[in-house]
Amino acid sequence: ELGDSEVLVFTAETGSMQGVQIADKSLDSTIWGLAVSSFSEIRVNYTAADDGKVQGTGVLAGKIEERMKISGNLVFTDTSGNASNESNVEFLFFDVYKNRSAIPLVAGKWIGNSGQSYEIDPSGKLSYFDNQSGCKGNGQVRVINSSFNMYDLRFSLSGCSSQFSTYNGGIVTGLAVLDFDESLQKPPMYFIGQNRVGASVYPAILVATPAN
């Protein structure tokens, strides 16, 4: 938790970090940056954007309890230079990360939480279509480290209808994990990232389930 909001963050073995901030059960902002650690110390430098515009930058400095949690203090500075401090920030570890990753595990057809269709072929090539917006996309899914459950995902957007034409030419990038909960009939894939269109940055968050 961060103040009155919640933050969901994915961090890869490379240090690449993607996150979203949720306030009042609604998507508030998108966050991306780089985490650097040394033994039990960690520092995360990140940027936050909302409604297409960068809102500012932040630094989280603290301690890691391996595979348990990250705790520390956060300083955020908005684009006007105003700084705010949040102490005792805590992020809990998502145990599903300890599973392995491989393209065959995510290859196939997926249905997004808003009805979008995704297809990943055996080489990781990704195709996307959203019937509501008319947007279509092509890109790639890549394994970051096969020992851990995290994927790099990116694709470009085109063909969006007039109402959604702002997204044409956008590049969607981010990180995805596959849920291995055996109690679920169709384990979902979670994705967090950004859709960048020129200088504008929009949040991209997805929950997708296997189509069959």
C-alpha atoms as a PDB file:
ATOM      1  CA  GLU A   1       0.000   0.000   0.000  1.00  0.00           C
ATOM      2  CA  LEU A   2       1.046   3.583  -0.703  1.00  0.00           C
ATOM      3  CA  GLY A   3      -0.979   6.159   1.198  1.00  0.00           C
ATOM      4  CA  ASP A   4      -4.622   5.646   0.256  1.00  0.00           C
ATOM      5  CA  SER A   5      -3.756   3.615  -2.826  1.00  0.00           C
ATOM      6  CA  GLU A   6      -2.299   0.239  -3.731  1.00  0.00           C
ATOM      7  CA  VAL A   7       0.634  -0.437  -6.037  1.00  0.00           C
ATOM      8  CA  LEU A   8       1.245  -3.628  -8.010  1.00  0.00           C
ATOM      9  CA  VAL A   9       4.830  -3.977  -9.248  1.00  0.00           C
ATOM     10  CA  PHE A  10       6.626  -6.510 -11.461  1.00  0.00           C
ATOM     11  CA  THR A  11      10.437  -6.520 -11.309  1.00  0.00           C
ATOM     12  CA  ALA A  12      12.554  -8.728 -13.583  1.00  0.00           C
ATOM     13  CA  GLU A  13      15.984 -10.224 -12.881  1.00  0.00           C
ATOM     14  CA  THR A  14      17.425  -7.469 -15.095  1.00  0.00           C
ATOM     15  CA  GLY A  15      16.120  -4.826 -12.663  1.00  0.00           C
ATOM     16  CA  SER A  16      13.474  -3.623 -15.100  1.00  0.00           C
ATOM     17  CA  MET A  17      10.391  -2.551 -13.152  1.00  0.00           C
ATOM     18  CA  GLN A  18       6.769  -1.993 -14.226  1.00  0.00           C
ATOM     19  CA  GLY A  19       3.911  -1.015 -11.950  1.00  0.00           C
ATOM     20  CA  VAL A  20       0.446   0.456 -11.629  1.00  0.00           C
ATOM     21  CA  GLN A  21      -1.043   2.538  -8.847  1.00  0.00           C
ATOM     22  CA  ILE A  22      -4.692   1.893  -8.028  1.00  0.00           C
ATOM     23  CA  ALA A  23      -6.832   4.347  -6.043  1.00  0.00           C
ATOM     24  CA  ASP A  24     -10.508   3.827  -5.157  1.00  0.00           C
ATOM     25  CA  LYS A  25     -10.442   0.597  -7.217  1.00  0.00           C
ATOM     26  CA  SER A  26      -9.558   2.577 -10.353  1.00  0.00           C
ATOM     27  CA  LEU A  27      -6.292   2.724 -12.313  1.00  0.00           C
ATOM     28  CA  ASP A  28      -4.534   5.899 -11.178  1.00  0.00           C
ATOM     29  CA  SER A  29      -1.098   5.915 -12.825  1.00  0.00           C
ATOM     30  CA  THR A  30       1.534   3.811 -14.547  1.00  0.00           C
ATOM     31  CA  ILE A  31       5.039   3.424 -13.126  1.00  0.00           C
ATOM     32  CA  TRP A  32       8.279   2.202 -14.690  1.00  0.00           C
ATOM     33  CA  GLY A  33      11.931   2.262 -13.709  1.00  0.00           C
ATOM     34  CA  LEU A  34      15.014   0.355 -12.651  1.00  0.00           C
ATOM     35  CA  ALA A  35      15.786  -1.486  -9.416  1.00  0.00           C
ATOM     36  CA  VAL A  36      19.379  -1.937  -8.233  1.00  0.00           C
ATOM     37  CA  SER A  37      20.234  -4.098  -5.241  1.00  0.00           C
ATOM     38  CA  SER A  38      23.341  -4.980  -3.251  1.00  0.00           C
ATOM     39  CA  PHE A  39      22.989  -7.691  -0.651  1.00  0.00           C
ATOM     40  CA  SER A  40      19.986  -6.585   1.461  1.00  0.00           C
ATOM     41  CA  GLU A  41      19.899  -2.995   0.155  1.00  0.00           C
ATOM     42  CA  ILE A  42      17.723  -1.843  -2.740  1.00  0.00           C
ATOM     43  CA  ARG A  43      17.183   1.405  -4.612  1.00  0.00           C
ATOM     44  CA  VAL A  44      14.470   1.900  -7.210  1.00  0.00           C
ATOM     45  CA  ASN A  45      14.386   4.940  -9.500  1.00  0.00           C
ATOM     46  CA  TYR A  46      11.078   5.303 -11.305  1.00  0.00           C
ATOM     47  CA  THR A  47       8.863   7.592 -13.380  1.00  0.00           C
ATOM     48  CA  ALA A  48       5.081   7.927 -13.005  1.00  0.00           C
ATOM     49  CA  ALA A  49       2.567   8.999 -15.660  1.00  0.00           C
ATOM     50  CA  ASP A  50      -1.180   9.542 -15.708  1.00  0.00           C
ATOM     51  CA  ASP A  51      -3.584  10.368 -18.540  1.00  0.00           C
ATOM     52  CA  GLY A  52      -0.750  10.358 -21.058  1.00  0.00           C
ATOM     53  CA  LYS A  53       1.468  12.823 -19.155  1.00  0.00           C
ATOM     54  CA  VAL A  54       4.510  12.263 -16.957  1.00  0.00           C
ATOM     55  CA  GLN A  55       3.668  13.319 -13.389  1.00  0.00           C
ATOM     56  CA  GLY A  56       7.126  13.110 -11.858  1.00  0.00           C
ATOM     57  CA  THR A  57       9.911  10.844 -10.654  1.00  0.00           C
ATOM     58  CA  GLY A  58      10.520   8.934  -7.463  1.00  0.00           C
ATOM     59  CA  VAL A  59      13.143   7.049  -5.493  1.00  0.00           C
ATOM     60  CA  LEU A  60      12.479   4.112  -3.188  1.00  0.00           C
ATOM     61  CA  ALA A  61      15.385   3.198  -0.896  1.00  0.00           C
ATOM     62  CA  GLY A  62      15.215   0.381   1.594  1.00  0.00           C
ATOM     63  CA  LYS A  63      15.805  -3.232   2.531  1.00  0.00           C
ATOM     64  CA  ILE A  64      15.077  -6.588   0.885  1.00  0.00           C
ATOM     65  CA  GLU A  65      14.000  -9.675   2.755  1.00  0.00           C
ATOM     66  CA  GLU A  66      14.647 -12.175  -0.035  1.00  0.00           C
ATOM     67  CA  ARG A  67      11.504 -13.730  -1.490  1.00  0.00           C
ATOM     68  CA  MET A  68       9.468 -12.054   1.270  1.00  0.00           C
ATOM     69  CA  LYS A  69       9.211  -8.281   1.015  1.00  0.00           C
ATOM     70  CA  ILE A  70      10.796  -4.925   0.228  1.00  0.00           C
ATOM     71  CA  SER A  71      10.419  -2.104   2.731  1.00  0.00           C
ATOM     72  CA  GLY A  72      11.760   1.434   2.805  1.00  0.00           C
ATOM     73  CA  ASN A  73      11.127   5.124   2.290  1.00  0.00           C
ATOM     74  CA  LEU A  74       9.893   6.750  -0.897  1.00  0.00           C
ATOM     75  CA  VAL A  75      10.429  10.305  -2.119  1.00  0.00           C
ATOM     76  CA  PHE A  76       8.376  11.483  -5.096  1.00  0.00           C
ATOM     77  CA  THR A  77       9.045  14.754  -6.924  1.00  0.00           C
ATOM     78  CA  ASP A  78       6.400  16.073  -9.321  1.00  0.00           C
ATOM     79  CA  THR A  79       7.135  17.960 -12.547  1.00  0.00           C
ATOM     80  CA  SER A  80       6.839  21.284 -10.678  1.00  0.00           C
ATOM     81  CA  GLY A  81       9.606  20.280  -8.272  1.00  0.00           C
ATOM     82  CA  ASN A  82       7.368  19.592  -5.275  1.00  0.00           C
ATOM     83  CA  ALA A  83       8.606  16.641  -3.220  1.00  0.00           C
ATOM     84  CA  SER A  84       6.606  14.354  -0.959  1.00  0.00           C
ATOM     85  CA  ASN A  85       7.861  11.647   1.384  1.00  0.00           C
ATOM     86  CA  GLU A  86       6.201   8.336   2.194  1.00  0.00           C
ATOM     87  CA  SER A  87       7.840   6.336   4.977  1.00  0.00           C
ATOM     88  CA  ASN A  88       7.454   2.655   5.846  1.00  0.00           C
ATOM     89  CA  VAL A  89       6.432   1.633   2.322  1.00  0.00           C
ATOM     90  CA  GLU A  90       6.173  -2.147   1.951  1.00  0.00           C
ATOM     91  CA  PHE A  91       5.900  -4.469  -1.062  1.00  0.00           C
ATOM     92  CA  LEU A  92       5.112  -8.149  -0.488  1.00  0.00           C
ATOM     93  CA  PHE A  93       6.589 -10.922  -2.655  1.00  0.00           C
ATOM     94  CA  PHE A  94       4.314 -12.718  -5.148  1.00  0.00           C
ATOM     95  CA  ASP A  95       5.241 -16.396  -4.745  1.00  0.00           C
ATOM     96  CA  VAL A  96       4.294 -17.351  -8.329  1.00  0.00           C
ATOM     97  CA  TYR A  97       7.518 -15.686  -9.514  1.00  0.00           C
ATOM     98  CA  LYS A  98       9.505 -18.739  -8.369  1.00  0.00           C
ATOM     99  CA  ASN A  99       8.101 -20.871 -11.209  1.00  0.00           C
ATOM    100  CA  ARG A 100      10.041 -21.318 -14.441  1.00  0.00           C
ATOM    101  CA  SER A 101       9.252 -19.570 -17.735  1.00  0.00           C
ATOM    102  CA  ALA A 102       9.234 -20.864 -21.313  1.00  0.00           C
ATOM    103  CA  ILE A 103       7.471 -19.844 -24.509  1.00  0.00           C
ATOM    104  CA  PRO A 104       5.587 -23.186 -24.762  1.00  0.00           C
ATOM    105  CA  LEU A 105       3.930 -22.333 -21.432  1.00  0.00           C
ATOM    106  CA  VAL A 106       2.338 -19.165 -22.869  1.00  0.00           C
ATOM    107  CA  ALA A 107       1.953 -20.150 -26.526  1.00  0.00           C
ATOM    108  CA  GLY A 108      -1.644 -20.352 -27.730  1.00  0.00           C
ATOM    109  CA  LYS A 109      -4.763 -18.200 -27.847  1.00  0.00           C
ATOM    110  CA  TRP A 110      -5.722 -15.873 -24.995  1.00  0.00           C
ATOM    111  CA  ILE A 111      -8.773 -13.741 -24.207  1.00  0.00           C
ATOM    112  CA  GLY A 112      -8.218 -10.418 -22.412  1.00  0.00           C
ATOM    113  CA  ASN A 113     -10.344  -9.101 -19.556  1.00  0.00           C
ATOM    114  CA  SER A 114     -12.116  -6.723 -21.973  1.00  0.00           C
ATOM    115  CA  GLY A 115     -12.548  -9.289 -24.757  1.00  0.00           C
ATOM    116  CA  GLN A 116      -9.294  -8.633 -26.634  1.00  0.00           C
ATOM    117  CA  SER A 117      -7.779 -11.604 -28.429  1.00  0.00           C
ATOM    118  CA  TYR A 118      -4.103 -12.519 -28.254  1.00  0.00           C
ATOM    119  CA  GLU A 119      -2.252 -15.302 -30.013  1.00  0.00           C
ATOM    120  CA  ILE A 120       1.319 -16.348 -29.252  1.00  0.00           C
ATOM    121  CA  ASP A 121       2.980 -18.783 -31.647  1.00  0.00           C
ATOM    122  CA  PRO A 122       5.699 -21.321 -30.685  1.00  0.00           C
ATOM    123  CA  SER A 123       8.454 -18.797 -31.470  1.00  0.00           C
ATOM    124  CA  GLY A 124       6.904 -16.129 -29.218  1.00  0.00           C
ATOM    125  CA  LYS A 125       5.463 -14.029 -32.041  1.00  0.00           C
ATOM    126  CA  LEU A 126       2.421 -12.144 -30.757  1.00  0.00           C
ATOM    127  CA  SER A 127      -0.677 -10.992 -32.639  1.00  0.00           C
ATOM    128  CA  TYR A 128      -3.406  -8.889 -31.024  1.00  0.00           C
ATOM    129  CA  PHE A 129      -6.896  -7.660 -31.894  1.00  0.00           C
ATOM    130  CA  ASP A 130      -9.444  -5.619 -29.947  1.00  0.00           C
ATOM    131  CA  ASN A 131     -12.913  -5.820 -31.486  1.00  0.00           C
ATOM    132  CA  GLN A 132     -14.160  -2.822 -29.480  1.00  0.00           C
ATOM    133  CA  SER A 133     -11.485  -0.359 -30.612  1.00  0.00           C
ATOM    134  CA  GLY A 134     -10.482  -2.017 -33.885  1.00  0.00           C
ATOM    135  CA  CYS A 135      -6.845  -1.875 -32.739  1.00  0.00           C
ATOM    136  CA  LYS A 136      -4.589  -4.636 -33.969  1.00  0.00           C
ATOM    137  CA  GLY A 137      -1.014  -5.330 -33.047  1.00  0.00           C
ATOM    138  CA  ASN A 138       2.037  -7.434 -33.769  1.00  0.00           C
ATOM    139  CA  GLY A 139       5.017  -8.054 -31.549  1.00  0.00           C
ATOM    140  CA  GLN A 140       6.996 -10.531 -29.509  1.00  0.00           C
ATOM    141  CA  VAL A 141       7.011 -12.315 -26.158  1.00  0.00           C
ATOM    142  CA  ARG A 142      10.466 -13.187 -24.786  1.00  0.00           C
ATOM    143  CA  VAL A 143      11.710 -15.172 -21.804  1.00  0.00           C
ATOM    144  CA  ILE A 144      13.892 -13.028 -19.525  1.00  0.00           C
ATOM    145  CA  ASN A 145      15.334 -15.780 -17.337  1.00  0.00           C
ATOM    146  CA  SER A 146      13.966 -19.299 -17.693  1.00  0.00           C
ATOM    147  CA  SER A 147      14.439 -19.974 -13.974  1.00  0.00           C
ATOM    148  CA  PHE A 148      11.819 -17.381 -13.047  1.00  0.00           C
ATOM    149  CA  ASN A 149       8.265 -16.598 -14.080  1.00  0.00           C
ATOM    150  CA  MET A 150       8.596 -13.302 -15.939  1.00  0.00           C
ATOM    151  CA  TYR A 151       8.261 -12.426 -19.631  1.00  0.00           C
ATOM    152  CA  ASP A 152       9.116  -9.363 -21.688  1.00  0.00           C
ATOM    153  CA  LEU A 153       6.178  -8.435 -23.938  1.00  0.00           C
ATOM    154  CA  ARG A 154       5.973  -5.729 -26.602  1.00  0.00           C
ATOM    155  CA  PHE A 155       3.857  -4.981 -29.650  1.00  0.00           C
ATOM    156  CA  SER A 156       2.891  -2.073 -31.906  1.00  0.00           C
ATOM    157  CA  LEU A 157      -0.667  -0.823 -32.475  1.00  0.00           C
ATOM    158  CA  SER A 158      -2.447   0.201 -35.679  1.00  0.00           C
ATOM    159  CA  GLY A 159      -5.905   0.250 -37.260  1.00  0.00           C
ATOM    160  CA  CYS A 160      -7.650   1.783 -34.230  1.00  0.00           C
ATOM    161  CA  SER A 161     -11.057   3.333 -34.990  1.00  0.00           C
ATOM    162  CA  SER A 162     -11.631   7.095 -34.850  1.00  0.00           C
ATOM    163  CA  GLN A 163     -12.669   7.081 -31.194  1.00  0.00           C
ATOM    164  CA  PHE A 164      -9.413   5.320 -30.280  1.00  0.00           C
ATOM    165  CA  SER A 165      -7.188   6.786 -33.005  1.00  0.00           C
ATOM    166  CA  THR A 166      -4.958   8.342 -30.327  1.00  0.00           C
ATOM    167  CA  TYR A 167      -3.438   4.882 -29.865  1.00  0.00           C
ATOM    168  CA  ASN A 168      -2.428   4.399 -33.513  1.00  0.00           C
ATOM    169  CA  GLY A 169       1.334   4.093 -33.762  1.00  0.00           C
ATOM    170  CA  GLY A 170       1.585   3.200 -30.103  1.00  0.00           C
ATOM    171  CA  ILE A 171       4.222   0.818 -28.777  1.00  0.00           C
ATOM    172  CA  VAL A 172       3.071  -1.352 -25.876  1.00  0.00           C
ATOM    173  CA  THR A 173       5.879  -2.641 -23.649  1.00  0.00           C
ATOM    174  CA  GLY A 174       5.926  -4.303 -20.267  1.00  0.00           C
ATOM    175  CA  LEU A 175       6.267  -7.425 -18.149  1.00  0.00           C
ATOM    176  CA  ALA A 176       3.997 -10.443 -17.807  1.00  0.00           C
ATOM    177  CA  VAL A 177       3.703 -13.375 -15.398  1.00  0.00           C
ATOM    178  CA  LEU A 178       1.756 -16.615 -15.673  1.00  0.00           C
ATOM    179  CA  ASP A 179      -0.343 -17.705 -12.692  1.00  0.00           C
ATOM    180  CA  PHE A 180       0.336 -21.333 -11.743  1.00  0.00           C
ATOM    181  CA  ASP A 181      -2.519 -21.641  -9.216  1.00  0.00           C
ATOM    182  CA  GLU A 182      -3.652 -25.266  -9.682  1.00  0.00           C
ATOM    183  CA  SER A 183      -7.066 -24.443  -8.195  1.00  0.00           C
ATOM    184  CA  LEU A 184      -7.869 -22.327 -11.264  1.00  0.00           C
ATOM    185  CA  GLN A 185      -9.372 -24.101 -14.262  1.00  0.00           C
ATOM    186  CA  LYS A 186      -7.776 -21.586 -16.641  1.00  0.00           C
ATOM    187  CA  PRO A 187      -4.709 -19.983 -15.004  1.00  0.00           C
ATOM    188  CA  PRO A 188      -4.453 -16.350 -16.169  1.00  0.00           C
ATOM    189  CA  MET A 189      -1.573 -14.272 -17.458  1.00  0.00           C
ATOM    190  CA  TYR A 190      -1.017 -10.836 -15.904  1.00  0.00           C
ATOM    191  CA  PHE A 191       0.607  -7.980 -17.816  1.00  0.00           C
ATOM    192  CA  ILE A 192       1.696  -4.510 -16.653  1.00  0.00           C
ATOM    193  CA  GLY A 193       3.270  -1.905 -18.909  1.00  0.00           C
ATOM    194  CA  GLN A 194       2.772   1.232 -20.965  1.00  0.00           C
ATOM    195  CA  ASN A 195       1.407   2.227 -24.332  1.00  0.00           C
ATOM    196  CA  ARG A 196       3.690   4.955 -25.659  1.00  0.00           C
ATOM    197  CA  VAL A 197       2.396   7.177 -28.443  1.00  0.00           C
ATOM    198  CA  GLY A 198       4.960   9.858 -29.224  1.00  0.00           C
ATOM    199  CA  ALA A 199       5.587  11.752 -25.970  1.00  0.00           C
ATOM    200  CA  SER A 200       2.377  10.445 -24.367  1.00  0.00           C
ATOM    201  CA  VAL A 201       2.444   7.479 -21.978  1.00  0.00           C
ATOM    202  CA  TYR A 202      -0.704   5.511 -21.136  1.00  0.00           C
ATOM    203  CA  PRO A 203      -1.054   2.603 -18.692  1.00  0.00           C
ATOM    204  CA  ALA A 204      -1.421  -0.884 -20.118  1.00  0.00           C
ATOM    205  CA  ILE A 205      -2.689  -3.578 -17.759  1.00  0.00           C
ATOM    206  CA  LEU A 206      -4.155  -6.923 -18.717  1.00  0.00           C
ATOM    207  CA  VAL A 207      -5.542 -10.092 -17.243  1.00  0.00           C
ATOM    208  CA  ALA A 208      -5.863 -12.788 -19.943  1.00  0.00           C
ATOM    209  CA  THR A 209      -7.108 -16.369 -19.754  1.00  0.00           C
ATOM    210  CA  PRO A 210      -6.598 -19.249 -22.202  1.00  0.00           C
ATOM    211  CA  ALA A 211      -9.191 -19.251 -24.991  1.00  0.00           C
ATOM    212  CA  ASN A 212      -9.572 -23.045 -24.874  1.00  0.00           C
END
